[in-house]
Amino acid sequence: PATWPGHVHLNVADLEGQISFYQRVIGLQ
């Protein structure tokens, strides 16, 4: 019952752009 989601792994085309989006827009580090 203590099982919980870990991470999600995505295949992306523009790695730099996606890193920037998730930092600037979503607030991830």
PDB file of all heavy atoms in Angstrom:
ATOM      1  N   PRO A   1       0.792  -1.238   0.000  1.00  0.00           N
ATOM      2  CA  PRO A   1       0.000   0.000   0.000  1.00  0.00           C
ATOM      3  C   PRO A   1       0.819   1.281   0.000  1.00  0.00           C
ATOM      4  O   PRO A   1       0.283   2.350  -0.307  1.00  0.00           O
ATOM      5  CB  PRO A   1      -0.846  -0.116   1.275  1.00  0.00           C
ATOM      6  CG  PRO A   1      -0.139  -1.106   2.134  1.00  0.00           C
ATOM      7  CD  PRO A   1       0.504  -2.065   1.194  1.00  0.00           C
ATOM      8  N   ALA A   2       2.119   1.187   0.355  1.00  0.00           N
ATOM      9  CA  ALA A   2       2.963   2.388   0.341  1.00  0.00           C
ATOM     10  C   ALA A   2       3.653   2.598  -1.004  1.00  0.00           C
ATOM     11  O   ALA A   2       4.513   3.470  -1.135  1.00  0.00           O
ATOM     12  CB  ALA A   2       4.007   2.314   1.455  1.00  0.00           C
ATOM     13  N   THR A   3       3.289   1.813  -2.014  1.00  0.00           N
ATOM     14  CA  THR A   3       3.827   2.022  -3.366  1.00  0.00           C
ATOM     15  C   THR A   3       3.351   3.371  -3.891  1.00  0.00           C
ATOM     16  O   THR A   3       2.197   3.759  -3.691  1.00  0.00           O
ATOM     17  CB  THR A   3       3.360   0.884  -4.287  1.00  0.00           C
ATOM     18  OG1 THR A   3       3.800  -0.372  -3.745  1.00  0.00           O
ATOM     19  CG2 THR A   3       3.900   1.043  -5.691  1.00  0.00           C
ATOM     20  N   TRP A   4       4.252   4.087  -4.568  1.00  0.00           N
ATOM     21  CA  TRP A   4       3.921   5.442  -5.027  1.00  0.00           C
ATOM     22  C   TRP A   4       4.663   5.720  -6.327  1.00  0.00           C
ATOM     23  O   TRP A   4       5.757   5.181  -6.548  1.00  0.00           O
ATOM     24  CB  TRP A   4       4.320   6.468  -3.958  1.00  0.00           C
ATOM     25  CG  TRP A   4       3.763   7.838  -4.206  1.00  0.00           C
ATOM     26  CD1 TRP A   4       4.339   8.844  -4.925  1.00  0.00           C
ATOM     27  CD2 TRP A   4       2.499   8.340  -3.784  1.00  0.00           C
ATOM     28  NE1 TRP A   4       3.510   9.934  -4.977  1.00  0.00           N
ATOM     29  CE2 TRP A   4       2.368   9.649  -4.274  1.00  0.00           C
ATOM     30  CE3 TRP A   4       1.454   7.799  -3.024  1.00  0.00           C
ATOM     31  CZ2 TRP A   4       1.241  10.433  -4.043  1.00  0.00           C
ATOM     32  CZ3 TRP A   4       0.330   8.586  -2.791  1.00  0.00           C
ATOM     33  CH2 TRP A   4       0.235   9.889  -3.294  1.00  0.00           C
ATOM     34  N   PRO A   5       4.126   6.581  -7.222  1.00  0.00           N
ATOM     35  CA  PRO A   5       4.848   6.909  -8.452  1.00  0.00           C
ATOM     36  C   PRO A   5       6.218   7.513  -8.170  1.00  0.00           C
ATOM     37  O   PRO A   5       6.395   8.293  -7.227  1.00  0.00           O
ATOM     38  CB  PRO A   5       3.929   7.927  -9.144  1.00  0.00           C
ATOM     39  CG  PRO A   5       2.568   7.635  -8.600  1.00  0.00           C
ATOM     40  CD  PRO A   5       2.788   7.209  -7.182  1.00  0.00           C
ATOM     41  N   GLY A   6       7.188   7.143  -9.005  1.00  0.00           N
ATOM     42  CA  GLY A   6       8.533   7.696  -8.903  1.00  0.00           C
ATOM     43  C   GLY A   6       8.727   8.799  -9.924  1.00  0.00           C
ATOM     44  O   GLY A   6       8.166   9.884  -9.796  1.00  0.00           O
ATOM     45  N   HIS A   7       9.482   8.520 -10.996  1.00  0.00           N
ATOM     46  CA  HIS A   7       9.699   9.529 -12.023  1.00  0.00           C
ATOM     47  C   HIS A   7       9.067   9.096 -13.345  1.00  0.00           C
ATOM     48  O   HIS A   7       8.764   7.922 -13.552  1.00  0.00           O
ATOM     49  CB  HIS A   7      11.197   9.808 -12.229  1.00  0.00           C
ATOM     50  CG  HIS A   7      11.966   8.634 -12.756  1.00  0.00           C
ATOM     51  ND1 HIS A   7      12.543   7.675 -11.942  1.00  0.00           N
ATOM     52  CD2 HIS A   7      12.255   8.256 -14.029  1.00  0.00           C
ATOM     53  CE1 HIS A   7      13.151   6.765 -12.680  1.00  0.00           C
ATOM     54  NE2 HIS A   7      12.990   7.088 -13.944  1.00  0.00           N
ATOM     55  N   VAL A   8       8.869  10.067 -14.208  1.00  0.00           N
ATOM     56  CA  VAL A   8       8.388   9.855 -15.568  1.00  0.00           C
ATOM     57  C   VAL A   8       9.550  10.170 -16.505  1.00  0.00           C
ATOM     58  O   VAL A   8      10.242  11.181 -16.325  1.00  0.00           O
ATOM     59  CB  VAL A   8       7.185  10.762 -15.870  1.00  0.00           C
ATOM     60  CG1 VAL A   8       6.780  10.659 -17.331  1.00  0.00           C
ATOM     61  CG2 VAL A   8       6.009  10.412 -14.958  1.00  0.00           C
ATOM     62  N   HIS A   9       9.775   9.305 -17.492  1.00  0.00           N
ATOM     63  CA  HIS A   9      10.885   9.489 -18.430  1.00  0.00           C
ATOM     64  C   HIS A   9      10.303   9.728 -19.819  1.00  0.00           C
ATOM     65  O   HIS A   9       9.529   8.898 -20.325  1.00  0.00           O
ATOM     66  CB  HIS A   9      11.777   8.256 -18.425  1.00  0.00           C
ATOM     67  CG  HIS A   9      13.125   8.466 -19.034  1.00  0.00           C
ATOM     68  ND1 HIS A   9      14.242   7.787 -18.623  1.00  0.00           N
ATOM     69  CD2 HIS A   9      13.549   9.297 -20.026  1.00  0.00           C
ATOM     70  CE1 HIS A   9      15.294   8.181 -19.326  1.00  0.00           C
ATOM     71  NE2 HIS A   9      14.886   9.097 -20.190  1.00  0.00           N
ATOM     72  N   LEU A  10      10.654  10.865 -20.419  1.00  0.00           N
ATOM     73  CA  LEU A  10      10.138  11.251 -21.725  1.00  0.00           C
ATOM     74  C   LEU A  10      11.244  11.259 -22.768  1.00  0.00           C
ATOM     75  O   LEU A  10      12.371  11.680 -22.489  1.00  0.00           O
ATOM     76  CB  LEU A  10       9.525  12.658 -21.667  1.00  0.00           C
ATOM     77  CG  LEU A  10       8.386  12.913 -20.681  1.00  0.00           C
ATOM     78  CD1 LEU A  10       7.968  14.385 -20.749  1.00  0.00           C
ATOM     79  CD2 LEU A  10       7.197  12.002 -20.968  1.00  0.00           C
ATOM     80  N   ASN A  11      10.912  10.821 -23.975  1.00  0.00           N
ATOM     81  CA  ASN A  11      11.758  11.049 -25.139  1.00  0.00           C
ATOM     82  C   ASN A  11      11.392  12.406 -25.721  1.00  0.00           C
ATOM     83  O   ASN A  11      10.201  12.680 -25.953  1.00  0.00           O
ATOM     84  CB  ASN A  11      11.528   9.967 -26.198  1.00  0.00           C
ATOM     85  CG  ASN A  11      12.114   8.626 -25.791  1.00  0.00           C
ATOM     86  OD1 ASN A  11      13.149   8.558 -25.133  1.00  0.00           O
ATOM     87  ND2 ASN A  11      11.456   7.548 -26.196  1.00  0.00           N
ATOM     88  N   VAL A  12      12.389  13.246 -25.974  1.00  0.00           N
ATOM     89  CA  VAL A  12      12.128  14.603 -26.437  1.00  0.00           C
ATOM     90  C   VAL A  12      12.973  14.916 -27.664  1.00  0.00           C
ATOM     91  O   VAL A  12      14.024  14.301 -27.890  1.00  0.00           O
ATOM     92  CB  VAL A  12      12.396  15.644 -25.328  1.00  0.00           C
ATOM     93  CG1 VAL A  12      11.525  15.367 -24.108  1.00  0.00           C
ATOM     94  CG2 VAL A  12      13.867  15.678 -24.939  1.00  0.00           C
ATOM     95  N   ALA A  13      12.521  15.879 -28.435  1.00  0.00           N
ATOM     96  CA  ALA A  13      13.263  16.315 -29.621  1.00  0.00           C
ATOM     97  C   ALA A  13      14.256  17.418 -29.276  1.00  0.00           C
ATOM     98  O   ALA A  13      15.397  17.418 -29.745  1.00  0.00           O
ATOM     99  CB  ALA A  13      12.290  16.796 -30.698  1.00  0.00           C
ATOM    100  N   ASP A  14      13.828  18.369 -28.460  1.00  0.00           N
ATOM    101  CA  ASP A  14      14.634  19.538 -28.112  1.00  0.00           C
ATOM    102  C   ASP A  14      14.942  19.490 -26.620  1.00  0.00           C
ATOM    103  O   ASP A  14      14.172  19.999 -25.806  1.00  0.00           O
ATOM    104  CB  ASP A  14      13.864  20.813 -28.476  1.00  0.00           C
ATOM    105  CG  ASP A  14      14.626  22.087 -28.125  1.00  0.00           C
ATOM    106  OD1 ASP A  14      15.792  22.006 -27.683  1.00  0.00           O
ATOM    107  OD2 ASP A  14      14.032  23.182 -28.272  1.00  0.00           O
ATOM    108  N   LEU A  15      16.057  18.872 -26.273  1.00  0.00           N
ATOM    109  CA  LEU A  15      16.385  18.704 -24.861  1.00  0.00           C
ATOM    110  C   LEU A  15      16.576  20.044 -24.170  1.00  0.00           C
ATOM    111  O   LEU A  15      16.058  20.261 -23.066  1.00  0.00           O
ATOM    112  CB  LEU A  15      17.637  17.836 -24.713  1.00  0.00           C
ATOM    113  CG  LEU A  15      18.082  17.546 -23.272  1.00  0.00           C
ATOM    114  CD1 LEU A  15      17.002  16.810 -22.495  1.00  0.00           C
ATOM    115  CD2 LEU A  15      19.377  16.741 -23.276  1.00  0.00           C
ATOM    116  N   GLU A  16      17.312  20.955 -24.791  1.00  0.00           N
ATOM    117  CA  GLU A  16      17.559  22.261 -24.170  1.00  0.00           C
ATOM    118  C   GLU A  16      16.251  23.010 -23.950  1.00  0.00           C
ATOM    119  O   GLU A  16      16.034  23.604 -22.885  1.00  0.00           O
ATOM    120  CB  GLU A  16      18.507  23.094 -25.040  1.00  0.00           C
ATOM    121  CG  GLU A  16      19.886  22.503 -25.236  1.00  0.00           C
ATOM    122  CD  GLU A  16      20.681  22.426 -23.947  1.00  0.00           C
ATOM    123  OE1 GLU A  16      20.326  23.133 -22.989  1.00  0.00           O
ATOM    124  OE2 GLU A  16      21.649  21.651 -23.909  1.00  0.00           O
ATOM    125  N   GLY A  17      15.389  23.003 -24.952  1.00  0.00           N
ATOM    126  CA  GLY A  17      14.123  23.708 -24.834  1.00  0.00           C
ATOM    127  C   GLY A  17      13.238  23.121 -23.762  1.00  0.00           C
ATOM    128  O   GLY A  17      12.569  23.854 -23.011  1.00  0.00           O
ATOM    129  N   GLN A  18      13.231  21.794 -23.646  1.00  0.00           N
ATOM    130  CA  GLN A  18      12.401  21.146 -22.637  1.00  0.00           C
ATOM    131  C   GLN A  18      12.942  21.397 -21.226  1.00  0.00           C
ATOM    132  O   GLN A  18      12.170  21.634 -20.288  1.00  0.00           O
ATOM    133  CB  GLN A  18      12.307  19.644 -22.908  1.00  0.00           C
ATOM    134  CG  GLN A  18      11.497  19.284 -24.152  1.00  0.00           C
ATOM    135  CD  GLN A  18      10.015  19.490 -23.950  1.00  0.00           C
ATOM    136  OE1 GLN A  18       9.536  20.626 -23.957  1.00  0.00           O
ATOM    137  NE2 GLN A  18       9.271  18.421 -23.796  1.00  0.00           N
ATOM    138  N   ILE A  19      14.246  21.349 -21.060  1.00  0.00           N
ATOM    139  CA  ILE A  19      14.834  21.669 -19.756  1.00  0.00           C
ATOM    140  C   ILE A  19      14.437  23.087 -19.351  1.00  0.00           C
ATOM    141  O   ILE A  19      14.021  23.343 -18.215  1.00  0.00           O
ATOM    142  CB  ILE A  19      16.363  21.520 -19.785  1.00  0.00           C
ATOM    143  CG1 ILE A  19      16.750  20.034 -19.893  1.00  0.00           C
ATOM    144  CG2 ILE A  19      16.987  22.129 -18.529  1.00  0.00           C
ATOM    145  CD1 ILE A  19      18.239  19.811 -20.102  1.00  0.00           C
ATOM    146  N   SER A  20      14.564  24.018 -20.285  1.00  0.00           N
ATOM    147  CA  SER A  20      14.225  25.414 -19.995  1.00  0.00           C
ATOM    148  C   SER A  20      12.754  25.549 -19.616  1.00  0.00           C
ATOM    149  O   SER A  20      12.412  26.249 -18.647  1.00  0.00           O
ATOM    150  CB  SER A  20      14.533  26.282 -21.213  1.00  0.00           C
ATOM    151  OG  SER A  20      14.105  27.613 -21.004  1.00  0.00           O
ATOM    152  N   PHE A  21      11.874  24.890 -20.352  1.00  0.00           N
ATOM    153  CA  PHE A  21      10.439  24.973 -20.053  1.00  0.00           C
ATOM    154  C   PHE A  21      10.129  24.459 -18.653  1.00  0.00           C
ATOM    155  O   PHE A  21       9.425  25.126 -17.880  1.00  0.00           O
ATOM    156  CB  PHE A  21       9.649  24.173 -21.087  1.00  0.00           C
ATOM    157  CG  PHE A  21       8.192  24.011 -20.745  1.00  0.00           C
ATOM    158  CD1 PHE A  21       7.276  24.986 -21.087  1.00  0.00           C
ATOM    159  CD2 PHE A  21       7.738  22.878 -20.076  1.00  0.00           C
ATOM    160  CE1 PHE A  21       5.924  24.856 -20.761  1.00  0.00           C
ATOM    161  CE2 PHE A  21       6.397  22.729 -19.740  1.00  0.00           C
ATOM    162  CZ  PHE A  21       5.493  23.723 -20.079  1.00  0.00           C
ATOM    163  N   TYR A  22      10.644  23.303 -18.319  1.00  0.00           N
ATOM    164  CA  TYR A  22      10.299  22.714 -17.024  1.00  0.00           C
ATOM    165  C   TYR A  22      10.908  23.490 -15.856  1.00  0.00           C
ATOM    166  O   TYR A  22      10.345  23.489 -14.753  1.00  0.00           O
ATOM    167  CB  TYR A  22      10.689  21.233 -16.990  1.00  0.00           C
ATOM    168  CG  TYR A  22       9.680  20.374 -17.720  1.00  0.00           C
ATOM    169  CD1 TYR A  22       9.918  19.911 -19.006  1.00  0.00           C
ATOM    170  CD2 TYR A  22       8.470  20.061 -17.125  1.00  0.00           C
ATOM    171  CE1 TYR A  22       8.980  19.139 -19.678  1.00  0.00           C
ATOM    172  CE2 TYR A  22       7.518  19.299 -17.789  1.00  0.00           C
ATOM    173  CZ  TYR A  22       7.782  18.843 -19.064  1.00  0.00           C
ATOM    174  OH  TYR A  22       6.823  18.094 -19.730  1.00  0.00           O
ATOM    175  N   GLN A  23      12.007  24.181 -16.092  1.00  0.00           N
ATOM    176  CA  GLN A  23      12.558  25.043 -15.048  1.00  0.00           C
ATOM    177  C   GLN A  23      11.792  26.359 -14.952  1.00  0.00           C
ATOM    178  O   GLN A  23      11.345  26.750 -13.879  1.00  0.00           O
ATOM    179  CB  GLN A  23      14.039  25.324 -15.337  1.00  0.00           C
ATOM    180  CG  GLN A  23      14.971  24.156 -15.117  1.00  0.00           C
ATOM    181  CD  GLN A  23      16.418  24.532 -15.397  1.00  0.00           C
ATOM    182  OE1 GLN A  23      16.811  24.752 -16.536  1.00  0.00           O
ATOM    183  NE2 GLN A  23      17.215  24.624 -14.355  1.00  0.00           N
ATOM    184  N   ARG A  24      11.674  27.051 -16.071  1.00  0.00           N
ATOM    185  CA  ARG A  24      11.135  28.409 -16.073  1.00  0.00           C
ATOM    186  C   ARG A  24       9.622  28.436 -15.874  1.00  0.00           C
ATOM    187  O   ARG A  24       9.098  29.280 -15.138  1.00  0.00           O
ATOM    188  CB  ARG A  24      11.488  29.087 -17.404  1.00  0.00           C
ATOM    189  CG  ARG A  24      11.042  30.543 -17.539  1.00  0.00           C
ATOM    190  CD  ARG A  24      11.524  31.126 -18.849  1.00  0.00           C
ATOM    191  NE  ARG A  24      10.912  30.453 -19.981  1.00  0.00           N
ATOM    192  CZ  ARG A  24       9.775  30.849 -20.568  1.00  0.00           C
ATOM    193  NH1 ARG A  24       9.135  31.918 -20.109  1.00  0.00           N
ATOM    194  NH2 ARG A  24       9.278  30.200 -21.593  1.00  0.00           N
ATOM    195  N   VAL A  25       8.913  27.511 -16.502  1.00  0.00           N
ATOM    196  CA  VAL A  25       7.452  27.537 -16.488  1.00  0.00           C
ATOM    197  C   VAL A  25       6.872  26.696 -15.355  1.00  0.00           C
ATOM    198  O   VAL A  25       5.999  27.152 -14.612  1.00  0.00           O
ATOM    199  CB  VAL A  25       6.896  27.072 -17.850  1.00  0.00           C
ATOM    200  CG1 VAL A  25       5.371  27.013 -17.824  1.00  0.00           C
ATOM    201  CG2 VAL A  25       7.375  28.017 -18.956  1.00  0.00           C
ATOM    202  N   ILE A  26       7.355  25.470 -15.197  1.00  0.00           N
ATOM    203  CA  ILE A  26       6.798  24.572 -14.192  1.00  0.00           C
ATOM    204  C   ILE A  26       7.421  24.808 -12.818  1.00  0.00           C
ATOM    205  O   ILE A  26       6.750  24.713 -11.793  1.00  0.00           O
ATOM    206  CB  ILE A  26       6.960  23.099 -14.615  1.00  0.00           C
ATOM    207  CG1 ILE A  26       6.267  22.862 -15.965  1.00  0.00           C
ATOM    208  CG2 ILE A  26       6.398  22.158 -13.549  1.00  0.00           C
ATOM    209  CD1 ILE A  26       4.780  23.143 -15.956  1.00  0.00           C
ATOM    210  N   GLY A  27       8.715  25.109 -12.778  1.00  0.00           N
ATOM    211  CA  GLY A  27       9.366  25.359 -11.491  1.00  0.00           C
ATOM    212  C   GLY A  27      10.208  24.207 -10.985  1.00  0.00           C
ATOM    213  O   GLY A  27      10.571  24.175  -9.796  1.00  0.00           O
ATOM    214  N   LEU A  28      10.532  23.240 -11.854  1.00  0.00           N
ATOM    215  CA  LEU A  28      11.430  22.166 -11.465  1.00  0.00           C
ATOM    216  C   LEU A  28      12.881  22.642 -11.482  1.00  0.00           C
ATOM    217  O   LEU A  28      13.213  23.627 -12.138  1.00  0.00           O
ATOM    218  CB  LEU A  28      11.270  20.958 -12.399  1.00  0.00           C
ATOM    219  CG  LEU A  28       9.904  20.255 -12.386  1.00  0.00           C
ATOM    220  CD1 LEU A  28       9.889  19.116 -13.397  1.00  0.00           C
ATOM    221  CD2 LEU A  28       9.580  19.724 -10.994  1.00  0.00           C
ATOM    222  N   GLN A  29      13.726  21.930 -10.784  1.00  0.00           N
ATOM    223  CA  GLN A  29      15.158  22.222 -10.764  1.00  0.00           C
ATOM    224  C   GLN A  29      15.892  21.178 -11.593  1.00  0.00           C
ATOM    225  O   GLN A  29      15.490  20.004 -11.628  1.00  0.00           O
ATOM    226  CB  GLN A  29      15.689  22.177  -9.335  1.00  0.00           C
ATOM    227  CG  GLN A  29      14.995  23.103  -8.358  1.00  0.00           C
ATOM    228  CD  GLN A  29      15.402  22.818  -6.932  1.00  0.00           C
ATOM    229  OE1 GLN A  29      16.576  22.589  -6.633  1.00  0.00           O
ATOM    230  NE2 GLN A  29      14.431  22.798  -6.027  1.00  0.00           N
TER     231      GLN A  29
END
